Amino acid sequence: MPRLVVAAPSSGSGKTTVATGLMAAFAERGLAVSPHKAGPDYIDPGYHALATGRPGRNLDAFMCGPELVAPLFAHGAAGCDLAVVEGVMGLYDGAAGRGELASTAQVAKLLRAPVVLVVDASSQSRSVAALVHGFASFDPQVRLGGVILNKVGSDRHEAMLREALEEAGMPVLGVLRRAPQVAAPSRHLGLVPVAERRADAVAAVSALAEQVRAGCDLDALMALARTAPVLACEPWSPASALGGVWGSAAGPAPQTPHPASPAFEARGSGGGAPGSGAAPVVAVAGGAAFTFSYAEHAELLQAAGAEVVTFDPLRDEALPEGTSGLVIGGGFPEVYAPELSANEPLRAAVAAFAAQGGPVAAECAGLLYLARSLDGKPMCGVLDADARMSERLTLGYREAVAVSDSALAPAGTRLRGHEFHRTVIEPGAGAAPAWGFTHPERRVEGFVQQGVHASYLHTHWAAEPSVARRFVEAAAKRP
């Protein structure tokens, strides 16, 4: 599998611009491009999916463990001609206080992939050689194959940069000039997701492809990607991860595209009509307000025997027919609080489903949606709590243990996850909390009541597939 890791000295250097542009440019050549993102980010994979038509997948060595990075990569890249991995933060930045864990450098080493360093050259000339030399020599196991210079100001500026890097023996694989017209809009948690600006996002990705095609040596980049050695690992499989439970005799579950992928909209649930078979129907919230999900979650639910059906809480006034389980992931309900509140029929349906003991898995945005109110707007009222926007950003990896038995996990289950929100909910935990955080701080958080498990913590179920199996088993018990 030819593969590249796109990294940078620091955040804000242009990794997403270059990685997404490369994906789109190679896809326009007719290649099947597999998009990946190091770390827990949900938003960038949406742009990757738009660029390639395939689900954007995350490779997170903290949440899933280093041992799963290569298998998950091989699973997502199966059948493709090229894989592009966008890094996280600076090349050597990872989980705080954990050395290289979850860094782009660690992912590159686990994948045995060459690295392309994207350098913001807007305020330097010959110093770029010293910067690149430092990144190339810091860890000899990281193979830096070349540099793409971003935000170059002029022909003269480019000539000085090229001369310095030639002296350092580092190939220049691309030069991009300043192009504000292709910048994606941002807000309190980063880029605006694709699902909220579909037409503009399509135009932006097309402009990125054009910019990268004009400024980068695609043939040289492909040649570098082909230098990656054979990756000796068994691809991850949702059915195998579940130990052959439920419908494993039929083989691995079909890949479910990321909600931002055009293929996702075309396929919907990936199965027949809702309720058409014996499989329990698990309804997964989607649409503009709920865009945060990992592709492997739907795959695990399917492999565990569920029929996965998406619905949009902004538009749909009822849960999908035959709903036996409800998954409400992350997103931006705070942006759409008035519209979510105005959909009273669906709010009532969710509240009734929860009151009847239906299994509900809610993460972050889902937690807010289940609250009594969000910024003063009535929500589903499942939880005796109120949520509001905050000035403080909560961001970071967490180590957690399940405090209460739930539809997701028995008490004592240990998982790693991450928090990423600028809201608060009061109280922060119910009588039966969902998680007890053990690192980096000790506190309880979230709510478990009847079949509901609601928490700010984002988790990756590939790290603990029994979560999906337990949830589907709970859904299957519904009448």
Protein backbone atom coordinates (compact mmCIF):
# COMPACT_ATOMS: atom_id res chain seq x y z
CA MET A 1 0.00 0.00 0.00
CA PRO A 2 1.68 3.24 -1.10
CA ARG A 3 1.24 5.69 1.77
CA LEU A 4 2.26 9.11 3.02
CA VAL A 5 1.99 10.88 6.36
CA VAL A 6 1.45 14.64 6.11
CA ALA A 7 2.93 16.35 9.17
CA ALA A 8 4.06 19.81 10.27
CA PRO A 9 6.28 21.49 12.86
CA SER A 10 3.18 22.87 14.63
CA SER A 11 -0.55 23.32 14.39
CA GLY A 12 -1.68 25.95 11.90
CA SER A 13 1.04 25.18 9.36
CA GLY A 14 -1.39 23.92 6.71
CA LYS A 15 -1.60 20.15 7.24
CA THR A 16 -5.33 19.98 6.50
CA THR A 17 -4.94 22.17 3.41
CA VAL A 18 -2.17 20.00 1.98
CA ALA A 19 -3.54 16.61 3.05
CA THR A 20 -7.05 17.30 1.76
CA GLY A 21 -5.69 18.84 -1.45
CA LEU A 22 -3.45 15.82 -2.04
CA MET A 23 -6.33 13.42 -1.46
CA ALA A 24 -8.55 15.29 -3.89
CA ALA A 25 -5.84 15.75 -6.51
CA PHE A 26 -4.93 12.05 -6.52
CA ALA A 27 -8.61 11.06 -6.53
CA GLU A 28 -9.10 13.26 -9.61
CA ARG A 29 -6.42 11.15 -11.28
CA GLY A 30 -8.69 8.16 -10.88
CA LEU A 31 -6.91 6.65 -7.88
CA ALA A 32 -8.77 5.10 -4.97
CA VAL A 33 -7.44 7.16 -2.07
CA SER A 34 -7.84 6.06 1.54
CA PRO A 35 -8.03 9.06 3.91
CA HIS A 36 -6.85 8.90 7.51
CA LYS A 37 -6.35 11.32 10.40
CA ALA A 38 -3.97 10.85 13.33
CA GLY A 39 -5.61 11.61 16.66
CA PRO A 40 -9.23 12.03 17.76
CA ASP A 41 -10.32 14.86 15.43
CA TYR A 42 -13.79 14.40 13.88
CA ILE A 43 -13.98 17.44 11.59
CA ASP A 44 -10.99 16.99 9.27
CA PRO A 45 -12.09 13.45 8.27
CA GLY A 46 -15.30 14.97 6.93
CA TYR A 47 -13.27 17.03 4.45
CA HIS A 48 -11.15 13.96 3.68
CA ALA A 49 -14.30 11.98 2.91
CA LEU A 50 -15.51 14.73 0.62
CA ALA A 51 -12.17 14.72 -1.21
CA THR A 52 -12.05 10.95 -1.73
CA GLY A 53 -15.60 9.60 -1.56
CA ARG A 54 -14.47 7.17 1.14
CA PRO A 55 -14.97 7.31 4.93
CA GLY A 56 -12.37 9.37 6.74
CA ARG A 57 -10.84 7.20 9.45
CA ASN A 58 -8.95 8.06 12.63
CA LEU A 59 -5.75 6.44 13.85
CA ASP A 60 -5.46 7.15 17.57
CA ALA A 61 -2.70 5.36 19.45
CA PHE A 62 -3.94 6.66 22.81
CA MET A 63 -7.58 5.61 22.59
CA CYS A 64 -7.08 2.39 20.62
CA GLY A 65 -3.53 1.50 21.62
CA PRO A 66 -0.47 1.43 19.35
CA GLU A 67 -1.13 -2.20 18.48
CA LEU A 68 -4.35 -1.32 16.63
CA VAL A 69 -3.00 1.56 14.52
CA ALA A 70 -1.65 -0.59 11.66
CA PRO A 71 -4.60 -3.07 11.62
CA LEU A 72 -7.15 -0.23 11.56
CA PHE A 73 -5.17 1.47 8.81
CA ALA A 74 -5.06 -1.75 6.75
CA HIS A 75 -8.81 -2.21 7.24
CA GLY A 76 -9.61 1.27 5.97
CA ALA A 77 -7.11 1.19 3.11
CA ALA A 78 -8.08 -2.22 1.76
CA GLY A 79 -8.44 -2.13 -2.03
CA CYS A 80 -7.06 1.40 -2.41
CA ASP A 81 -4.20 2.68 -4.57
CA LEU A 82 -2.85 5.21 -2.08
CA ALA A 83 -3.33 6.17 1.56
CA VAL A 84 -2.78 9.67 2.92
CA VAL A 85 -2.59 10.21 6.69
CA GLU A 86 -2.98 13.73 8.04
CA GLY A 87 -1.04 14.24 11.24
CA VAL A 88 -2.06 15.97 14.46
CA MET A 89 -0.46 19.07 16.01
CA GLY A 90 3.32 19.16 15.52
CA LEU A 91 5.10 16.05 14.25
CA TYR A 92 6.41 15.02 17.67
CA ASP A 93 3.50 16.28 19.83
CA GLY A 94 1.40 13.61 21.51
CA ALA A 95 -0.52 12.86 24.69
CA ALA A 96 0.67 15.21 27.43
CA GLY A 97 3.34 13.67 29.60
CA ARG A 98 3.37 10.38 27.62
CA GLY A 99 6.40 10.87 25.38
CA GLU A 100 5.65 10.01 21.76
CA LEU A 101 2.31 8.30 22.51
CA ALA A 102 -0.40 9.37 20.02
CA SER A 103 1.97 11.65 18.11
CA THR A 104 2.14 11.82 14.34
CA ALA A 105 5.69 10.53 14.59
CA GLN A 106 4.53 7.41 16.41
CA VAL A 107 1.79 6.77 13.84
CA ALA A 108 4.32 7.18 11.02
CA LYS A 109 6.65 4.66 12.65
CA LEU A 110 3.84 2.18 13.30
CA LEU A 111 2.83 2.44 9.63
CA ARG A 112 6.45 2.48 8.39
CA ALA A 113 5.37 5.42 6.23
CA PRO A 114 7.46 8.28 4.82
CA VAL A 115 6.63 11.73 6.17
CA VAL A 116 6.06 14.91 4.17
CA LEU A 117 6.62 17.99 6.33
CA VAL A 118 4.40 21.00 5.64
CA VAL A 119 6.27 24.15 6.66
CA ASP A 120 4.69 27.58 7.06
CA ALA A 121 7.42 29.59 5.38
CA SER A 122 5.69 32.97 5.63
CA SER A 123 8.20 34.47 8.09
CA GLN A 124 11.50 32.78 7.25
CA SER A 125 13.98 32.12 4.49
CA ARG A 126 17.31 30.33 5.11
CA SER A 127 16.26 29.38 8.65
CA VAL A 128 13.89 26.86 7.10
CA ALA A 129 16.87 24.56 6.56
CA ALA A 130 17.73 24.53 10.26
CA LEU A 131 14.10 23.89 11.16
CA VAL A 132 13.74 20.98 8.75
CA HIS A 133 17.14 19.54 9.73
CA GLY A 134 16.04 19.47 13.36
CA PHE A 135 12.80 17.65 12.58
CA ALA A 136 14.59 15.19 10.27
CA SER A 137 17.28 14.31 12.82
CA PHE A 138 15.29 14.34 16.07
CA ASP A 139 14.16 10.71 15.71
CA PRO A 140 16.14 8.60 13.21
CA GLN A 141 13.24 6.12 13.00
CA VAL A 142 11.02 8.81 11.45
CA ARG A 143 11.77 9.01 7.72
CA LEU A 144 11.29 12.56 6.49
CA GLY A 145 11.00 12.21 2.70
CA GLY A 146 10.50 15.81 1.67
CA VAL A 147 8.98 19.21 2.38
CA ILE A 148 6.00 21.14 1.06
CA LEU A 149 6.43 24.87 1.60
CA ASN A 150 3.21 26.69 2.47
CA LYS A 151 2.34 30.41 2.42
CA VAL A 152 5.27 31.35 0.20
CA GLY A 153 5.13 35.04 -0.65
CA SER A 154 6.93 35.48 -4.00
CA ASP A 155 9.21 33.93 -6.59
CA ARG A 156 12.21 35.45 -4.80
CA HIS A 157 11.06 34.02 -1.48
CA GLU A 158 10.64 30.59 -3.08
CA ALA A 159 14.13 30.72 -4.58
CA MET A 160 15.72 31.48 -1.18
CA LEU A 161 13.80 28.64 0.48
CA ARG A 162 14.70 26.14 -2.23
CA GLU A 163 18.37 27.13 -2.08
CA ALA A 164 18.50 26.63 1.70
CA LEU A 165 16.81 23.25 1.56
CA GLU A 166 19.00 22.11 -1.31
CA GLU A 167 22.04 22.82 0.86
CA ALA A 168 20.41 20.72 3.60
CA GLY A 169 19.75 17.86 1.16
CA MET A 170 15.99 17.92 1.67
CA PRO A 171 13.75 17.58 -1.43
CA VAL A 172 11.11 20.25 -1.97
CA LEU A 173 8.00 18.38 -3.14
CA GLY A 174 5.72 21.38 -3.41
CA VAL A 175 5.33 25.13 -2.99
CA LEU A 176 1.99 26.73 -2.18
CA ARG A 177 1.37 30.45 -2.27
CA ARG A 178 -0.95 32.27 0.08
CA ALA A 179 -4.53 31.53 -1.01
CA PRO A 180 -7.16 32.77 1.47
CA GLN A 181 -9.96 31.86 -0.94
CA VAL A 182 -9.55 28.17 -0.08
CA ALA A 183 -9.53 28.61 3.70
CA ALA A 184 -12.35 26.84 5.53
CA PRO A 185 -14.28 28.90 8.11
CA SER A 186 -13.65 28.16 11.78
CA ARG A 187 -15.50 28.70 15.06
CA HIS A 188 -15.27 27.67 18.73
CA LEU A 189 -14.20 24.03 18.15
CA GLY A 190 -12.25 24.39 14.89
CA LEU A 191 -13.33 24.10 11.27
CA VAL A 192 -17.02 24.20 10.41
CA PRO A 193 -18.00 20.60 9.53
CA VAL A 194 -18.73 19.63 5.93
CA ALA A 195 -22.34 18.74 6.72
CA GLU A 196 -23.04 22.37 7.63
CA ARG A 197 -21.62 23.89 4.44
CA ARG A 198 -21.86 21.18 1.80
CA ALA A 199 -21.84 23.36 -1.33
CA ASP A 200 -19.10 25.68 -0.04
CA ALA A 201 -17.07 22.70 1.19
CA VAL A 202 -17.25 21.02 -2.22
CA ALA A 203 -15.99 24.23 -3.84
CA ALA A 204 -13.22 24.60 -1.23
CA VAL A 205 -12.01 21.00 -1.69
CA SER A 206 -11.99 21.50 -5.45
CA ALA A 207 -9.92 24.68 -5.02
CA LEU A 208 -7.53 22.83 -2.71
CA ALA A 209 -7.07 20.11 -5.33
CA GLU A 210 -6.32 22.74 -7.96
CA GLN A 211 -3.85 24.53 -5.69
CA VAL A 212 -2.02 21.32 -4.78
CA ARG A 213 -2.02 20.07 -8.35
CA ALA A 214 -0.45 23.33 -9.52
CA GLY A 215 2.07 23.65 -6.68
CA CYS A 216 3.11 20.09 -5.85
CA ASP A 217 4.99 17.39 -7.72
CA LEU A 218 2.35 14.66 -7.57
CA ASP A 219 4.54 12.18 -9.42
CA ALA A 220 7.38 12.65 -6.92
CA LEU A 221 4.95 12.36 -4.01
CA MET A 222 3.53 9.13 -5.42
CA ALA A 223 7.05 7.80 -5.92
CA LEU A 224 7.81 8.59 -2.28
CA ALA A 225 4.60 6.86 -1.17
CA ARG A 226 5.67 3.74 -3.07
CA THR A 227 8.87 3.51 -1.03
CA ALA A 228 6.88 2.45 2.01
CA PRO A 229 7.74 -1.19 2.79
CA VAL A 230 5.27 -4.02 3.21
CA LEU A 231 3.16 -3.55 6.33
CA ALA A 232 3.01 -6.98 7.93
CA CYS A 233 -0.23 -7.06 9.90
CA GLU A 234 -3.70 -8.55 9.73
CA PRO A 235 -6.32 -5.94 8.84
CA TRP A 236 -8.77 -5.17 11.61
CA SER A 237 -12.21 -6.69 11.06
CA PRO A 238 -15.35 -5.78 13.03
CA ALA A 239 -16.57 -9.38 12.96
CA SER A 240 -13.23 -10.76 14.11
CA ALA A 241 -12.97 -8.07 16.78
CA LEU A 242 -16.30 -9.26 18.16
CA GLY A 243 -15.09 -12.84 18.24
CA GLY A 244 -17.52 -14.10 15.63
CA VAL A 245 -20.59 -13.06 17.63
CA TRP A 246 -24.01 -12.84 15.96
CA GLY A 247 -23.91 -12.90 12.16
CA SER A 248 -20.19 -13.56 11.77
CA ALA A 249 -20.77 -16.57 9.52
CA ALA A 250 -21.78 -14.15 6.80
CA GLY A 251 -18.32 -12.58 6.87
CA PRO A 252 -17.17 -9.09 7.82
CA ALA A 253 -19.77 -6.36 8.07
CA PRO A 254 -19.98 -4.00 5.08
CA GLN A 255 -18.08 -0.75 5.44
CA THR A 256 -20.35 2.10 6.44
CA PRO A 257 -19.17 5.44 5.03
CA HIS A 258 -18.57 8.43 7.26
CA PRO A 259 -21.69 10.66 7.56
CA ALA A 260 -19.85 13.38 5.61
CA SER A 261 -19.22 11.07 2.66
CA PRO A 262 -21.45 11.32 -0.44
CA ALA A 263 -21.66 7.54 -0.37
CA PHE A 264 -23.20 7.72 3.10
CA GLU A 265 -26.08 9.82 1.88
CA ALA A 266 -26.68 7.46 -0.99
CA ARG A 267 -26.67 4.29 1.11
CA GLY A 268 -28.39 5.40 4.28
CA SER A 269 -28.34 2.44 6.65
CA GLY A 270 -26.59 0.13 4.25
CA GLY A 271 -29.40 -2.41 4.62
CA GLY A 272 -33.02 -2.89 3.72
CA ALA A 273 -35.97 -0.88 4.93
CA PRO A 274 -35.96 -0.16 8.66
CA GLY A 275 -37.38 -3.06 10.59
CA SER A 276 -37.39 -5.32 7.53
CA GLY A 277 -35.53 -8.18 9.23
CA ALA A 278 -34.96 -9.78 12.59
CA ALA A 279 -31.98 -7.55 13.35
CA PRO A 280 -32.58 -4.92 16.02
CA VAL A 281 -32.72 -1.43 14.55
CA VAL A 282 -30.14 0.97 16.00
CA ALA A 283 -30.94 4.56 15.08
CA VAL A 284 -27.88 6.82 14.80
CA ALA A 285 -28.27 10.62 14.91
CA GLY A 286 -26.80 12.45 11.94
CA GLY A 287 -27.38 15.65 10.00
CA ALA A 288 -25.72 19.00 10.55
CA ALA A 289 -26.06 19.00 14.35
CA PHE A 290 -24.53 15.55 14.94
CA THR A 291 -21.51 15.07 12.69
CA PHE A 292 -19.00 13.47 15.07
CA SER A 293 -18.66 9.70 14.67
CA TYR A 294 -16.04 7.07 14.00
CA ALA A 295 -16.75 4.85 11.00
CA GLU A 296 -15.85 1.73 13.00
CA HIS A 297 -18.78 2.28 15.40
CA ALA A 298 -21.42 1.62 12.75
CA GLU A 299 -19.37 -1.30 11.42
CA LEU A 300 -19.20 -2.86 14.87
CA LEU A 301 -22.93 -2.38 15.42
CA GLN A 302 -23.63 -4.11 12.12
CA ALA A 303 -21.20 -6.91 12.86
CA ALA A 304 -22.91 -7.40 16.22
CA GLY A 305 -26.18 -7.98 14.38
CA ALA A 306 -27.83 -4.56 14.25
CA GLU A 307 -29.45 -2.77 11.36
CA VAL A 308 -27.99 0.75 11.48
CA VAL A 309 -30.34 3.52 10.34
CA THR A 310 -29.55 7.22 10.42
CA PHE A 311 -31.95 10.03 11.26
CA ASP A 312 -31.65 13.81 11.44
CA PRO A 313 -32.90 15.42 14.67
CA LEU A 314 -33.19 18.74 12.84
CA ARG A 315 -35.65 17.38 10.28
CA ASP A 316 -37.15 14.03 11.26
CA GLU A 317 -40.15 14.20 13.55
CA ALA A 318 -40.04 10.53 14.56
CA LEU A 319 -37.43 7.90 15.26
CA PRO A 320 -36.89 5.35 12.49
CA GLU A 321 -39.53 2.64 12.43
CA GLY A 322 -38.76 -0.22 14.80
CA THR A 323 -35.99 1.61 16.68
CA SER A 324 -34.61 -0.65 19.42
CA GLY A 325 -31.45 1.30 20.26
CA LEU A 326 -30.46 4.93 19.96
CA VAL A 327 -26.95 6.36 19.43
CA ILE A 328 -26.52 10.14 19.63
CA GLY A 329 -22.90 11.10 19.10
CA GLY A 330 -21.02 14.37 19.06
CA GLY A 331 -21.52 17.53 17.07
CA PHE A 332 -22.77 21.07 17.50
CA PRO A 333 -26.23 21.13 19.12
CA GLU A 334 -25.32 24.49 20.66
CA VAL A 335 -25.29 25.99 17.16
CA TYR A 336 -28.69 24.48 16.35
CA ALA A 337 -30.38 24.71 19.76
CA PRO A 338 -33.42 26.69 18.49
CA GLU A 339 -34.03 24.27 15.60
CA LEU A 340 -33.55 21.17 17.77
CA SER A 341 -35.87 22.63 20.37
CA ALA A 342 -38.50 23.45 17.75
CA ASN A 343 -38.70 19.79 16.70
CA GLU A 344 -41.02 18.93 19.58
CA PRO A 345 -42.33 15.64 18.12
CA LEU A 346 -38.87 14.10 17.96
CA ARG A 347 -37.91 15.39 21.39
CA ALA A 348 -41.02 13.72 22.77
CA ALA A 349 -40.23 10.50 20.91
CA VAL A 350 -36.69 10.39 22.33
CA ALA A 351 -37.96 11.10 25.84
CA ALA A 352 -40.58 8.34 25.53
CA PHE A 353 -38.02 5.85 24.21
CA ALA A 354 -35.72 6.57 27.15
CA ALA A 355 -38.59 6.43 29.67
CA GLN A 356 -39.48 2.97 28.40
CA GLY A 357 -35.96 1.75 29.17
CA GLY A 358 -34.66 1.79 25.60
CA PRO A 359 -30.85 1.65 25.34
CA VAL A 360 -29.41 5.08 24.54
CA ALA A 361 -25.71 5.86 24.03
CA ALA A 362 -25.10 9.61 24.08
CA GLU A 363 -21.70 11.29 23.76
CA CYS A 364 -21.07 15.00 24.27
CA ALA A 365 -23.61 16.56 21.86
CA GLY A 366 -25.92 13.66 22.65
CA LEU A 367 -25.56 14.45 26.35
CA LEU A 368 -26.64 18.05 25.71
CA TYR A 369 -29.58 16.93 23.56
CA LEU A 370 -30.85 14.67 26.34
CA ALA A 371 -30.65 17.47 28.91
CA ARG A 372 -33.63 19.46 30.14
CA SER A 373 -32.38 22.58 28.35
CA LEU A 374 -29.49 23.94 26.30
CA ASP A 375 -28.82 27.67 26.52
CA GLY A 376 -32.36 28.08 27.81
CA LYS A 377 -33.96 26.16 24.93
CA PRO A 378 -35.96 23.05 25.89
CA MET A 379 -34.31 19.78 24.88
CA CYS A 380 -35.46 16.19 25.39
CA GLY A 381 -35.68 16.36 29.17
CA VAL A 382 -34.38 12.83 29.65
CA LEU A 383 -31.76 14.07 32.12
CA ASP A 384 -32.49 16.27 35.11
CA ALA A 385 -29.76 18.70 34.06
CA ASP A 386 -29.27 21.92 32.13
CA ALA A 387 -26.49 22.77 29.67
CA ARG A 388 -25.05 26.04 28.44
CA MET A 389 -22.19 27.45 26.43
CA SER A 390 -19.02 28.32 28.34
CA GLU A 391 -15.97 30.51 27.78
CA ARG A 392 -13.72 27.61 28.79
CA LEU A 393 -12.57 24.99 26.31
CA THR A 394 -12.36 21.49 27.77
CA LEU A 395 -9.94 19.45 25.68
CA GLY A 396 -7.75 16.44 26.32
CA TYR A 397 -7.32 12.71 26.61
CA ARG A 398 -8.88 10.92 29.57
CA GLU A 399 -8.48 7.55 31.25
CA ALA A 400 -11.81 6.35 32.60
CA VAL A 401 -13.48 3.49 34.41
CA ALA A 402 -17.20 2.74 34.21
CA VAL A 403 -18.77 3.59 37.57
CA SER A 404 -22.23 2.11 36.93
CA ASP A 405 -23.54 -0.87 34.99
CA SER A 406 -25.04 0.36 31.72
CA ALA A 407 -26.13 -0.71 28.25
CA LEU A 408 -22.59 0.05 27.09
CA ALA A 409 -20.39 -1.53 29.73
CA PRO A 410 -20.44 -3.22 33.12
CA ALA A 411 -19.04 -1.31 36.07
CA GLY A 412 -15.27 -1.58 36.21
CA THR A 413 -14.72 -1.46 32.44
CA ARG A 414 -11.68 0.67 31.64
CA LEU A 415 -11.53 2.82 28.51
CA ARG A 416 -9.53 5.70 27.17
CA GLY A 417 -11.27 8.61 25.52
CA HIS A 418 -11.15 12.35 24.99
CA GLU A 419 -13.17 15.44 25.86
CA PHE A 420 -13.68 18.30 23.41
CA HIS A 421 -16.33 20.87 24.23
CA ARG A 422 -17.00 24.46 25.20
CA THR A 423 -20.15 23.78 27.18
CA VAL A 424 -20.99 22.80 30.74
CA ILE A 425 -23.86 20.75 32.13
CA GLU A 426 -25.18 21.16 35.66
CA PRO A 427 -25.05 18.90 37.52
CA GLY A 428 -22.05 17.25 35.85
CA ALA A 429 -22.99 13.79 37.05
CA GLY A 430 -26.13 11.94 38.04
CA ALA A 431 -26.90 9.70 41.01
CA ALA A 432 -25.32 6.89 38.97
CA PRO A 433 -22.37 8.47 37.12
CA ALA A 434 -21.20 7.10 33.79
CA TRP A 435 -17.42 7.39 34.23
CA GLY A 436 -14.84 7.97 36.86
CA PHE A 437 -11.79 9.70 35.40
CA THR A 438 -8.48 8.43 36.74
CA HIS A 439 -6.14 10.58 34.64
CA PRO A 440 -5.23 13.41 34.33
CA GLU A 441 -7.72 14.36 37.06
CA ARG A 442 -9.96 12.35 39.35
CA ARG A 443 -13.69 13.06 39.11
CA VAL A 444 -16.96 11.39 38.21
CA GLU A 445 -18.94 12.44 35.17
CA GLY A 446 -22.04 11.62 33.15
CA PHE A 447 -25.34 9.86 33.73
CA VAL A 448 -26.61 6.28 33.78
CA GLN A 449 -30.33 5.80 34.26
CA GLN A 450 -32.50 2.96 33.00
CA GLY A 451 -31.06 2.26 29.52
CA VAL A 452 -29.39 5.66 29.11
CA HIS A 453 -25.63 6.17 29.13
CA ALA A 454 -24.82 9.88 28.61
CA SER A 455 -21.42 11.49 28.98
CA TYR A 456 -19.06 14.12 27.60
CA LEU A 457 -16.45 11.41 26.97
CA HIS A 458 -15.80 10.42 23.35
CA THR A 459 -14.63 6.82 23.02
CA HIS A 460 -13.46 4.62 20.15
CA TRP A 461 -15.26 1.29 20.27
CA ALA A 462 -12.56 -0.53 18.32
CA ALA A 463 -10.56 -0.38 21.57
CA GLU A 464 -13.31 -2.33 23.37
CA PRO A 465 -15.65 -4.02 20.85
CA SER A 466 -17.70 -5.54 23.66
CA VAL A 467 -19.31 -2.10 24.00
CA ALA A 468 -21.04 -2.55 20.62
CA ARG A 469 -21.98 -6.16 21.36
CA ARG A 470 -23.48 -5.29 24.75
CA PHE A 471 -25.44 -2.39 23.26
CA VAL A 472 -26.88 -4.50 20.43
CA GLU A 473 -27.79 -7.26 22.89
CA ALA A 474 -29.68 -4.67 24.96
CA ALA A 475 -31.45 -3.44 21.83
CA ALA A 476 -32.36 -7.01 20.83
CA LYS A 477 -34.17 -7.48 24.16
CA ARG A 478 -36.55 -4.64 23.34
CA PRO A 479 -40.06 -5.88 22.45
